[in-house]
Amino acid sequence: MRLVRYGELGMEKPGLLDTDGKIRDLSGHINDITPDQLSNTRLSSLAAIDVASLPLVEGDPRLGVPVAAIPNLLCIGLNYADHAAETGSPIPDQPVLFMKHTGSIIGPNDDVHLPDGSTKSDWEVELAIVIGERCSNVSKADAMNYIAGYTIVNDVSERHVQMNGGARQWVKGKSPETYAPVGPWLVTKDEIANPNDLRIWLEVDGHRYQDSSTNQFIFDVETVISHLSEHLTLLPGDVISTGTPPGVGMGIKPEPVFLRAGNVMRLGIDGLGEQRQTVS
């Protein structure tokens, strides 16, 4: 099941995609795709709905963030060995956790706005896990039971803020407004046979910079959930962005490449759709 939220910002409606990729309106069944709708029980109820009976959404509406009111946007850093190498970082011995402010979250095709003075804003395509059930101290064997599904995050990053100075400021560099496009869909876990083996890619102005697979993870999906749940309680609706493969702008040789106004980013993951953002 591929859940979507569509419509103007702040007025999004719940929907799902039919087998033809058309949006069907879910407003007659739920008010919105909120964290309380992501439990295994609630998702099973939604999956039982006759999709053909739902009203067809006409036209090509804007897509919003597929989960409303995300409580936390947690991120794993340096989760691909070759990405760690291109940034000059050692391979971590446990998942590296940071967070993005939820005010940075936008729809999958909304514009990304560079902050005043930005000189080193960068791209990062990432597989994201959406938590469906509250969990704490879960084992790797049980981790999948707490997942609602998966989506895509573009972890846009201002490297000058993130990396410069004696105290590196990851959260500050990752959290400007519009720096976390999420979507286009929430794909429930039953639709994805193996989240640890999905092709993942990103292009800027038609040039493919990132092209890899989640089979290159240092820490797979189950390990990430189990490890995080040892240290904090994961809540329904939490989104965990699992790290980016090599090909980010800061790692390009001989000269790094960073985002400029007018650039168009296009990115995708097998089975999870695509995003497209214009930089302004």
C-alpha atoms as a PDB file:
ATOM      1  CA  MET A   1       0.000   0.000   0.000  1.00  0.00           C
ATOM      2  CA  ARG A   2       1.350   3.418  -0.995  1.00  0.00           C
ATOM      3  CA  LEU A   3      -0.087   6.182   1.180  1.00  0.00           C
ATOM      4  CA  VAL A   4       0.083   9.825   0.090  1.00  0.00           C
ATOM      5  CA  ARG A   5      -0.989  13.245   1.258  1.00  0.00           C
ATOM      6  CA  TYR A   6      -1.983  15.658  -1.472  1.00  0.00           C
ATOM      7  CA  GLY A   7      -3.125  19.247  -1.833  1.00  0.00           C
ATOM      8  CA  GLU A   8      -1.957  22.709  -0.913  1.00  0.00           C
ATOM      9  CA  LEU A   9       0.407  23.228   2.006  1.00  0.00           C
ATOM     10  CA  GLY A  10      -1.493  23.030   5.270  1.00  0.00           C
ATOM     11  CA  MET A  11      -4.598  21.650   3.532  1.00  0.00           C
ATOM     12  CA  GLU A  12      -3.366  18.188   2.546  1.00  0.00           C
ATOM     13  CA  LYS A  13      -5.799  15.288   2.293  1.00  0.00           C
ATOM     14  CA  PRO A  14      -5.087  11.589   2.803  1.00  0.00           C
ATOM     15  CA  GLY A  15      -4.940   9.286  -0.186  1.00  0.00           C
ATOM     16  CA  LEU A  16      -3.440   6.136  -1.568  1.00  0.00           C
ATOM     17  CA  LEU A  17      -2.158   5.095  -4.963  1.00  0.00           C
ATOM     18  CA  ASP A  18      -4.072   2.526  -6.999  1.00  0.00           C
ATOM     19  CA  THR A  19      -2.435  -0.035  -9.285  1.00  0.00           C
ATOM     20  CA  ASP A  20      -2.353   2.529 -12.110  1.00  0.00           C
ATOM     21  CA  GLY A  21      -0.468   5.034  -9.962  1.00  0.00           C
ATOM     22  CA  LYS A  22      -3.522   7.283  -9.600  1.00  0.00           C
ATOM     23  CA  ILE A  23      -4.374   8.904  -6.280  1.00  0.00           C
ATOM     24  CA  ARG A  24      -7.555   7.738  -4.571  1.00  0.00           C
ATOM     25  CA  ASP A  25      -9.051   9.883  -1.821  1.00  0.00           C
ATOM     26  CA  LEU A  26      -9.108   8.379   1.689  1.00  0.00           C
ATOM     27  CA  SER A  27     -10.962  11.252   3.363  1.00  0.00           C
ATOM     28  CA  GLY A  28     -14.087   9.141   3.792  1.00  0.00           C
ATOM     29  CA  HIS A  29     -12.161   6.749   6.029  1.00  0.00           C
ATOM     30  CA  ILE A  30      -9.555   8.817   7.891  1.00  0.00           C
ATOM     31  CA  ASN A  31      -9.010  12.525   8.457  1.00  0.00           C
ATOM     32  CA  ASP A  32      -5.281  12.389   7.777  1.00  0.00           C
ATOM     33  CA  ILE A  33      -2.261  10.089   7.724  1.00  0.00           C
ATOM     34  CA  THR A  34      -1.226  10.800  11.291  1.00  0.00           C
ATOM     35  CA  PRO A  35       1.062   8.744  13.547  1.00  0.00           C
ATOM     36  CA  ASP A  36      -1.906   7.036  15.187  1.00  0.00           C
ATOM     37  CA  GLN A  37      -2.872   5.573  11.789  1.00  0.00           C
ATOM     38  CA  LEU A  38       0.465   3.766  11.374  1.00  0.00           C
ATOM     39  CA  SER A  39       0.053   0.827  13.751  1.00  0.00           C
ATOM     40  CA  ASN A  40      -0.077  -2.660  12.289  1.00  0.00           C
ATOM     41  CA  THR A  41      -3.769  -2.864  13.181  1.00  0.00           C
ATOM     42  CA  ARG A  42      -4.725   0.442  11.566  1.00  0.00           C
ATOM     43  CA  LEU A  43      -2.694  -0.230   8.431  1.00  0.00           C
ATOM     44  CA  SER A  44      -4.376  -3.624   8.071  1.00  0.00           C
ATOM     45  CA  SER A  45      -7.758  -1.888   8.218  1.00  0.00           C
ATOM     46  CA  LEU A  46      -6.742   0.548   5.489  1.00  0.00           C
ATOM     47  CA  ALA A  47      -5.384  -2.275   3.344  1.00  0.00           C
ATOM     48  CA  ALA A  48      -8.772  -4.000   3.507  1.00  0.00           C
ATOM     49  CA  ILE A  49     -10.510  -1.061   1.790  1.00  0.00           C
ATOM     50  CA  ASP A  50     -11.667  -1.668  -1.780  1.00  0.00           C
ATOM     51  CA  VAL A  51      -9.392   0.788  -3.597  1.00  0.00           C
ATOM     52  CA  ALA A  52     -11.671   0.935  -6.635  1.00  0.00           C
ATOM     53  CA  SER A  53     -14.471   2.262  -4.424  1.00  0.00           C
ATOM     54  CA  LEU A  54     -12.472   5.329  -3.414  1.00  0.00           C
ATOM     55  CA  PRO A  55     -12.955   8.611  -5.321  1.00  0.00           C
ATOM     56  CA  LEU A  56     -10.353   9.246  -7.996  1.00  0.00           C
ATOM     57  CA  VAL A  57      -8.336  12.447  -7.533  1.00  0.00           C
ATOM     58  CA  GLU A  58      -8.255  14.359 -10.799  1.00  0.00           C
ATOM     59  CA  GLY A  59      -5.335  16.289 -12.195  1.00  0.00           C
ATOM     60  CA  ASP A  60      -1.790  16.421 -10.870  1.00  0.00           C
ATOM     61  CA  PRO A  61      -1.999  17.758  -7.307  1.00  0.00           C
ATOM     62  CA  ARG A  62       0.936  18.780  -5.158  1.00  0.00           C
ATOM     63  CA  LEU A  63       2.218  15.961  -2.957  1.00  0.00           C
ATOM     64  CA  GLY A  64       2.763  16.719   0.706  1.00  0.00           C
ATOM     65  CA  VAL A  65       4.838  14.944   3.310  1.00  0.00           C
ATOM     66  CA  PRO A  66       3.292  11.443   3.447  1.00  0.00           C
ATOM     67  CA  VAL A  67       2.998  11.454   7.262  1.00  0.00           C
ATOM     68  CA  ALA A  68       1.418  14.399   9.070  1.00  0.00           C
ATOM     69  CA  ALA A  69       2.983  15.801  12.251  1.00  0.00           C
ATOM     70  CA  ILE A  70       6.177  13.735  12.256  1.00  0.00           C
ATOM     71  CA  PRO A  71       7.347  13.716  15.908  1.00  0.00           C
ATOM     72  CA  ASN A  72      11.078  13.279  15.233  1.00  0.00           C
ATOM     73  CA  LEU A  73      13.327  13.191  12.186  1.00  0.00           C
ATOM     74  CA  LEU A  74      16.305  11.087  13.254  1.00  0.00           C
ATOM     75  CA  CYS A  75      19.269  10.541  10.958  1.00  0.00           C
ATOM     76  CA  ILE A  76      22.110   8.070  10.703  1.00  0.00           C
ATOM     77  CA  GLY A  77      25.428   9.466   9.543  1.00  0.00           C
ATOM     78  CA  LEU A  78      28.231   7.708   7.662  1.00  0.00           C
ATOM     79  CA  ASN A  79      26.265   4.504   7.024  1.00  0.00           C
ATOM     80  CA  TYR A  80      28.034   3.658   3.752  1.00  0.00           C
ATOM     81  CA  ALA A  81      31.766   2.917   3.976  1.00  0.00           C
ATOM     82  CA  ASP A  82      32.565   4.624   0.673  1.00  0.00           C
ATOM     83  CA  HIS A  83      30.669   7.757   1.755  1.00  0.00           C
ATOM     84  CA  ALA A  84      32.641   7.834   5.007  1.00  0.00           C
ATOM     85  CA  ALA A  85      35.816   7.577   2.935  1.00  0.00           C
ATOM     86  CA  GLU A  86      34.876  10.470   0.630  1.00  0.00           C
ATOM     87  CA  THR A  87      34.272  12.713   3.647  1.00  0.00           C
ATOM     88  CA  GLY A  88      37.554  11.708   5.280  1.00  0.00           C
ATOM     89  CA  SER A  89      35.776  10.093   8.233  1.00  0.00           C
ATOM     90  CA  PRO A  90      36.574   6.763   9.901  1.00  0.00           C
ATOM     91  CA  ILE A  91      34.083   3.927   9.499  1.00  0.00           C
ATOM     92  CA  PRO A  92      31.914   4.022  12.650  1.00  0.00           C
ATOM     93  CA  ASP A  93      31.665   1.041  14.967  1.00  0.00           C
ATOM     94  CA  GLN A  94      28.049   1.866  15.838  1.00  0.00           C
ATOM     95  CA  PRO A  95      25.302   3.925  14.165  1.00  0.00           C
ATOM     96  CA  VAL A  96      26.038   7.660  14.288  1.00  0.00           C
ATOM     97  CA  LEU A  97      22.892   9.553  15.334  1.00  0.00           C
ATOM     98  CA  PHE A  98      21.934  13.159  14.702  1.00  0.00           C
ATOM     99  CA  MET A  99      18.608  14.915  14.185  1.00  0.00           C
ATOM    100  CA  LYS A 100      17.103  17.411  11.783  1.00  0.00           C
ATOM    101  CA  HIS A 101      14.677  19.991  13.121  1.00  0.00           C
ATOM    102  CA  THR A 102      11.160  19.071  11.997  1.00  0.00           C
ATOM    103  CA  GLY A 103      10.750  22.638  10.698  1.00  0.00           C
ATOM    104  CA  SER A 104      13.032  21.626   7.823  1.00  0.00           C
ATOM    105  CA  ILE A 105      10.502  19.079   6.481  1.00  0.00           C
ATOM    106  CA  ILE A 106       8.768  19.791   3.152  1.00  0.00           C
ATOM    107  CA  GLY A 107       6.957  17.834   0.451  1.00  0.00           C
ATOM    108  CA  PRO A 108       8.943  15.728  -2.017  1.00  0.00           C
ATOM    109  CA  ASN A 109       8.679  18.175  -4.912  1.00  0.00           C
ATOM    110  CA  ASP A 110       8.641  21.484  -3.051  1.00  0.00           C
ATOM    111  CA  ASP A 111      11.397  24.020  -3.710  1.00  0.00           C
ATOM    112  CA  VAL A 112      14.571  23.984  -1.619  1.00  0.00           C
ATOM    113  CA  HIS A 113      15.565  27.516  -0.549  1.00  0.00           C
ATOM    114  CA  LEU A 114      19.208  28.260   0.158  1.00  0.00           C
ATOM    115  CA  PRO A 115      19.678  30.309   3.338  1.00  0.00           C
ATOM    116  CA  ASP A 116      21.267  33.739   3.063  1.00  0.00           C
ATOM    117  CA  GLY A 117      25.012  33.336   2.755  1.00  0.00           C
ATOM    118  CA  SER A 118      24.879  29.619   1.920  1.00  0.00           C
ATOM    119  CA  THR A 119      28.012  28.602   0.026  1.00  0.00           C
ATOM    120  CA  LYS A 120      28.251  24.861   0.539  1.00  0.00           C
ATOM    121  CA  SER A 121      24.775  23.332   0.462  1.00  0.00           C
ATOM    122  CA  ASP A 122      24.843  19.691  -0.576  1.00  0.00           C
ATOM    123  CA  TRP A 123      22.524  16.796  -1.441  1.00  0.00           C
ATOM    124  CA  GLU A 124      22.040  13.370   0.184  1.00  0.00           C
ATOM    125  CA  VAL A 125      19.486  10.800  -1.005  1.00  0.00           C
ATOM    126  CA  GLU A 126      18.487   8.429   1.794  1.00  0.00           C
ATOM    127  CA  LEU A 127      16.171   5.528   2.541  1.00  0.00           C
ATOM    128  CA  ALA A 128      13.926   6.463   5.465  1.00  0.00           C
ATOM    129  CA  ILE A 129      12.177   4.153   7.913  1.00  0.00           C
ATOM    130  CA  VAL A 130       8.770   5.200   9.264  1.00  0.00           C
ATOM    131  CA  ILE A 131       8.000   3.844  12.730  1.00  0.00           C
ATOM    132  CA  GLY A 132       4.491   2.488  13.285  1.00  0.00           C
ATOM    133  CA  GLU A 133       4.595   1.212  16.858  1.00  0.00           C
ATOM    134  CA  ARG A 134       6.177   2.661  19.993  1.00  0.00           C
ATOM    135  CA  CYS A 135       9.338   0.698  20.720  1.00  0.00           C
ATOM    136  CA  SER A 136      12.127   0.529  23.245  1.00  0.00           C
ATOM    137  CA  ASN A 137      14.913  -2.042  23.664  1.00  0.00           C
ATOM    138  CA  VAL A 138      13.842  -4.168  20.716  1.00  0.00           C
ATOM    139  CA  SER A 139      16.002  -6.916  19.259  1.00  0.00           C
ATOM    140  CA  LYS A 140      17.130  -7.064  15.646  1.00  0.00           C
ATOM    141  CA  ALA A 141      14.900 -10.122  15.230  1.00  0.00           C
ATOM    142  CA  ASP A 142      11.832  -8.129  16.309  1.00  0.00           C
ATOM    143  CA  ALA A 143      12.714  -4.782  14.717  1.00  0.00           C
ATOM    144  CA  MET A 144      10.568  -5.183  11.598  1.00  0.00           C
ATOM    145  CA  ASN A 145       7.432  -5.525  13.745  1.00  0.00           C
ATOM    146  CA  TYR A 146       7.708  -1.848  14.668  1.00  0.00           C
ATOM    147  CA  ILE A 147       8.026  -0.475  11.142  1.00  0.00           C
ATOM    148  CA  ALA A 148       5.050   1.018   9.289  1.00  0.00           C
ATOM    149  CA  GLY A 149       6.918   1.406   6.025  1.00  0.00           C
ATOM    150  CA  TYR A 150       9.504   3.343   4.086  1.00  0.00           C
ATOM    151  CA  THR A 151       9.938   6.611   2.223  1.00  0.00           C
ATOM    152  CA  ILE A 152      12.694   8.836   0.796  1.00  0.00           C
ATOM    153  CA  VAL A 153      14.492  11.743   2.447  1.00  0.00           C
ATOM    154  CA  ASN A 154      16.796  14.231   0.739  1.00  0.00           C
ATOM    155  CA  ASP A 155      19.068  15.172   3.631  1.00  0.00           C
ATOM    156  CA  VAL A 156      20.076  18.563   2.234  1.00  0.00           C
ATOM    157  CA  SER A 157      23.058  19.839   4.210  1.00  0.00           C
ATOM    158  CA  GLU A 158      24.872  23.169   4.589  1.00  0.00           C
ATOM    159  CA  ARG A 159      28.443  21.895   4.886  1.00  0.00           C
ATOM    160  CA  HIS A 160      30.054  25.176   5.934  1.00  0.00           C
ATOM    161  CA  VAL A 161      27.895  25.240   9.054  1.00  0.00           C
ATOM    162  CA  GLN A 162      28.045  21.487   9.588  1.00  0.00           C
ATOM    163  CA  MET A 163      31.778  20.932   9.234  1.00  0.00           C
ATOM    164  CA  ASN A 164      33.659  24.165  10.001  1.00  0.00           C
ATOM    165  CA  GLY A 165      34.949  25.331  13.353  1.00  0.00           C
ATOM    166  CA  GLY A 166      36.158  23.538  16.448  1.00  0.00           C
ATOM    167  CA  ALA A 167      32.684  22.287  17.395  1.00  0.00           C
ATOM    168  CA  ARG A 168      31.038  20.727  14.353  1.00  0.00           C
ATOM    169  CA  GLN A 169      27.365  21.660  14.175  1.00  0.00           C
ATOM    170  CA  TRP A 170      25.588  18.819  12.406  1.00  0.00           C
ATOM    171  CA  VAL A 171      22.077  19.702  13.567  1.00  0.00           C
ATOM    172  CA  LYS A 172      22.499  23.382  12.609  1.00  0.00           C
ATOM    173  CA  GLY A 173      23.906  22.477   9.192  1.00  0.00           C
ATOM    174  CA  LYS A 174      21.127  19.967   8.534  1.00  0.00           C
ATOM    175  CA  SER A 175      18.102  21.944   9.722  1.00  0.00           C
ATOM    176  CA  PRO A 176      17.508  25.074   7.606  1.00  0.00           C
ATOM    177  CA  GLU A 177      13.922  25.452   6.453  1.00  0.00           C
ATOM    178  CA  THR A 178      13.182  23.251   3.369  1.00  0.00           C
ATOM    179  CA  TYR A 179      16.284  21.088   3.923  1.00  0.00           C
ATOM    180  CA  ALA A 180      14.349  17.836   4.425  1.00  0.00           C
ATOM    181  CA  PRO A 181      12.120  16.879   1.480  1.00  0.00           C
ATOM    182  CA  VAL A 182      10.200  13.709   2.466  1.00  0.00           C
ATOM    183  CA  GLY A 183       8.142  11.443   0.205  1.00  0.00           C
ATOM    184  CA  PRO A 184       6.550  11.011  -2.269  1.00  0.00           C
ATOM    185  CA  TRP A 185       4.792   8.079  -0.603  1.00  0.00           C
ATOM    186  CA  LEU A 186       4.765   6.012   2.543  1.00  0.00           C
ATOM    187  CA  VAL A 187       5.163   2.491   1.185  1.00  0.00           C
ATOM    188  CA  THR A 188       4.058  -0.077   3.745  1.00  0.00           C
ATOM    189  CA  LYS A 189       6.597  -2.699   4.731  1.00  0.00           C
ATOM    190  CA  ASP A 190       4.722  -5.560   3.072  1.00  0.00           C
ATOM    191  CA  GLU A 191       5.433  -3.941  -0.322  1.00  0.00           C
ATOM    192  CA  ILE A 192       9.227  -3.966   0.166  1.00  0.00           C
ATOM    193  CA  ALA A 193      10.718  -7.457   0.236  1.00  0.00           C
ATOM    194  CA  ASN A 194      14.158  -6.343   1.442  1.00  0.00           C
ATOM    195  CA  PRO A 195      14.860  -2.723   2.407  1.00  0.00           C
ATOM    196  CA  ASN A 196      18.530  -3.642   2.658  1.00  0.00           C
ATOM    197  CA  ASP A 197      18.803  -4.252  -1.081  1.00  0.00           C
ATOM    198  CA  LEU A 198      17.293  -1.293  -2.955  1.00  0.00           C
ATOM    199  CA  ARG A 199      18.851   0.776  -5.730  1.00  0.00           C
ATOM    200  CA  ILE A 200      19.271   4.415  -4.660  1.00  0.00           C
ATOM    201  CA  TRP A 201      20.285   7.386  -6.830  1.00  0.00           C
ATOM    202  CA  LEU A 202      20.356  11.170  -7.190  1.00  0.00           C
ATOM    203  CA  GLU A 203      20.915  13.582 -10.090  1.00  0.00           C
ATOM    204  CA  VAL A 204      21.528  17.329 -10.224  1.00  0.00           C
ATOM    205  CA  ASP A 205      20.643  18.999 -13.545  1.00  0.00           C
ATOM    206  CA  GLY A 206      20.568  15.563 -15.189  1.00  0.00           C
ATOM    207  CA  HIS A 207      24.027  14.499 -13.980  1.00  0.00           C
ATOM    208  CA  ARG A 208      23.946  11.378 -11.837  1.00  0.00           C
ATOM    209  CA  TYR A 209      26.123  11.907  -8.795  1.00  0.00           C
ATOM    210  CA  GLN A 210      24.846   9.137  -6.528  1.00  0.00           C
ATOM    211  CA  ASP A 211      24.113   5.611  -7.776  1.00  0.00           C
ATOM    212  CA  SER A 212      24.338   2.773  -5.286  1.00  0.00           C
ATOM    213  CA  SER A 213      22.300   0.243  -3.311  1.00  0.00           C
ATOM    214  CA  THR A 214      21.236  -0.097   0.287  1.00  0.00           C
ATOM    215  CA  ASN A 215      23.053  -3.445   0.212  1.00  0.00           C
ATOM    216  CA  GLN A 216      26.108  -1.291   0.917  1.00  0.00           C
ATOM    217  CA  PHE A 217      24.820  -0.286   4.368  1.00  0.00           C
ATOM    218  CA  ILE A 218      27.285  -0.598   7.234  1.00  0.00           C
ATOM    219  CA  PHE A 219      24.313  -0.962   9.603  1.00  0.00           C
ATOM    220  CA  ASP A 220      21.172  -2.487   8.117  1.00  0.00           C
ATOM    221  CA  VAL A 221      17.614  -1.421   8.911  1.00  0.00           C
ATOM    222  CA  GLU A 222      17.171  -3.940  11.719  1.00  0.00           C
ATOM    223  CA  THR A 223      20.445  -2.930  13.378  1.00  0.00           C
ATOM    224  CA  VAL A 224      19.570   0.767  13.209  1.00  0.00           C
ATOM    225  CA  ILE A 225      16.191   0.275  14.907  1.00  0.00           C
ATOM    226  CA  SER A 226      17.524  -2.080  17.561  1.00  0.00           C
ATOM    227  CA  HIS A 227      20.464   0.204  18.383  1.00  0.00           C
ATOM    228  CA  LEU A 228      18.429   3.408  18.555  1.00  0.00           C
ATOM    229  CA  SER A 229      15.778   1.752  20.692  1.00  0.00           C
ATOM    230  CA  GLU A 230      18.432   0.968  23.303  1.00  0.00           C
ATOM    231  CA  HIS A 231      19.015   4.687  23.825  1.00  0.00           C
ATOM    232  CA  LEU A 232      15.635   6.326  23.198  1.00  0.00           C
ATOM    233  CA  THR A 233      12.012   5.394  22.737  1.00  0.00           C
ATOM    234  CA  LEU A 234      10.937   5.441  19.102  1.00  0.00           C
ATOM    235  CA  LEU A 235       7.450   6.854  18.603  1.00  0.00           C
ATOM    236  CA  PRO A 236       4.778   6.194  15.970  1.00  0.00           C
ATOM    237  CA  GLY A 237       5.415   8.558  13.077  1.00  0.00           C
ATOM    238  CA  ASP A 238       9.134   8.953  13.777  1.00  0.00           C
ATOM    239  CA  VAL A 239      11.162   8.990  10.565  1.00  0.00           C
ATOM    240  CA  ILE A 240      14.685   7.542  10.569  1.00  0.00           C
ATOM    241  CA  SER A 241      16.842   8.559   7.613  1.00  0.00           C
ATOM    242  CA  THR A 242      19.430   5.814   7.204  1.00  0.00           C
ATOM    243  CA  GLY A 243      22.415   7.568   5.604  1.00  0.00           C
ATOM    244  CA  THR A 244      23.576   8.402   2.102  1.00  0.00           C
ATOM    245  CA  PRO A 245      25.801   6.616  -0.415  1.00  0.00           C
ATOM    246  CA  PRO A 246      28.881   8.200  -2.012  1.00  0.00           C
ATOM    247  CA  GLY A 247      28.579  10.975  -4.569  1.00  0.00           C
ATOM    248  CA  VAL A 248      27.763  13.963  -2.389  1.00  0.00           C
ATOM    249  CA  GLY A 249      28.995  17.339  -3.596  1.00  0.00           C
ATOM    250  CA  MET A 250      31.625  17.805  -0.899  1.00  0.00           C
ATOM    251  CA  GLY A 251      33.333  14.578  -1.951  1.00  0.00           C
ATOM    252  CA  ILE A 252      33.766  15.396  -5.643  1.00  0.00           C
ATOM    253  CA  LYS A 253      37.377  15.636  -6.843  1.00  0.00           C
ATOM    254  CA  PRO A 254      39.306  17.712  -7.737  1.00  0.00           C
ATOM    255  CA  GLU A 255      36.812  20.407  -6.698  1.00  0.00           C
ATOM    256  CA  PRO A 256      33.650  19.986  -4.633  1.00  0.00           C
ATOM    257  CA  VAL A 257      30.325  20.892  -6.240  1.00  0.00           C
ATOM    258  CA  PHE A 258      27.593  22.608  -4.227  1.00  0.00           C
ATOM    259  CA  LEU A 259      24.009  23.630  -4.899  1.00  0.00           C
ATOM    260  CA  ARG A 260      23.197  26.921  -6.567  1.00  0.00           C
ATOM    261  CA  ALA A 261      19.902  28.652  -7.316  1.00  0.00           C
ATOM    262  CA  GLY A 262      18.323  27.159 -10.409  1.00  0.00           C
ATOM    263  CA  ASN A 263      19.685  23.640  -9.886  1.00  0.00           C
ATOM    264  CA  VAL A 264      17.160  20.790 -10.130  1.00  0.00           C
ATOM    265  CA  MET A 265      17.615  17.723  -7.937  1.00  0.00           C
ATOM    266  CA  ARG A 266      15.960  14.461  -8.927  1.00  0.00           C
ATOM    267  CA  LEU A 267      16.296  11.378  -6.739  1.00  0.00           C
ATOM    268  CA  GLY A 268      14.706   8.007  -6.177  1.00  0.00           C
ATOM    269  CA  ILE A 269      14.776   4.571  -4.598  1.00  0.00           C
ATOM    270  CA  ASP A 270      13.423   1.391  -6.183  1.00  0.00           C
ATOM    271  CA  GLY A 271       9.819   0.820  -5.116  1.00  0.00           C
ATOM    272  CA  LEU A 272       9.572   4.123  -3.250  1.00  0.00           C
ATOM    273  CA  GLY A 273       9.137   6.577  -6.131  1.00  0.00           C
ATOM    274  CA  GLU A 274      11.007   9.778  -6.967  1.00  0.00           C
ATOM    275  CA  GLN A 275      11.436  13.328  -5.704  1.00  0.00           C
ATOM    276  CA  ARG A 276      12.219  16.496  -7.655  1.00  0.00           C
ATOM    277  CA  GLN A 277      13.246  19.835  -6.159  1.00  0.00           C
ATOM    278  CA  THR A 278      14.212  23.134  -7.734  1.00  0.00           C
ATOM    279  CA  VAL A 279      16.786  25.117  -5.754  1.00  0.00           C
ATOM    280  CA  SER A 280      16.102  28.790  -5.172  1.00  0.00           C
END
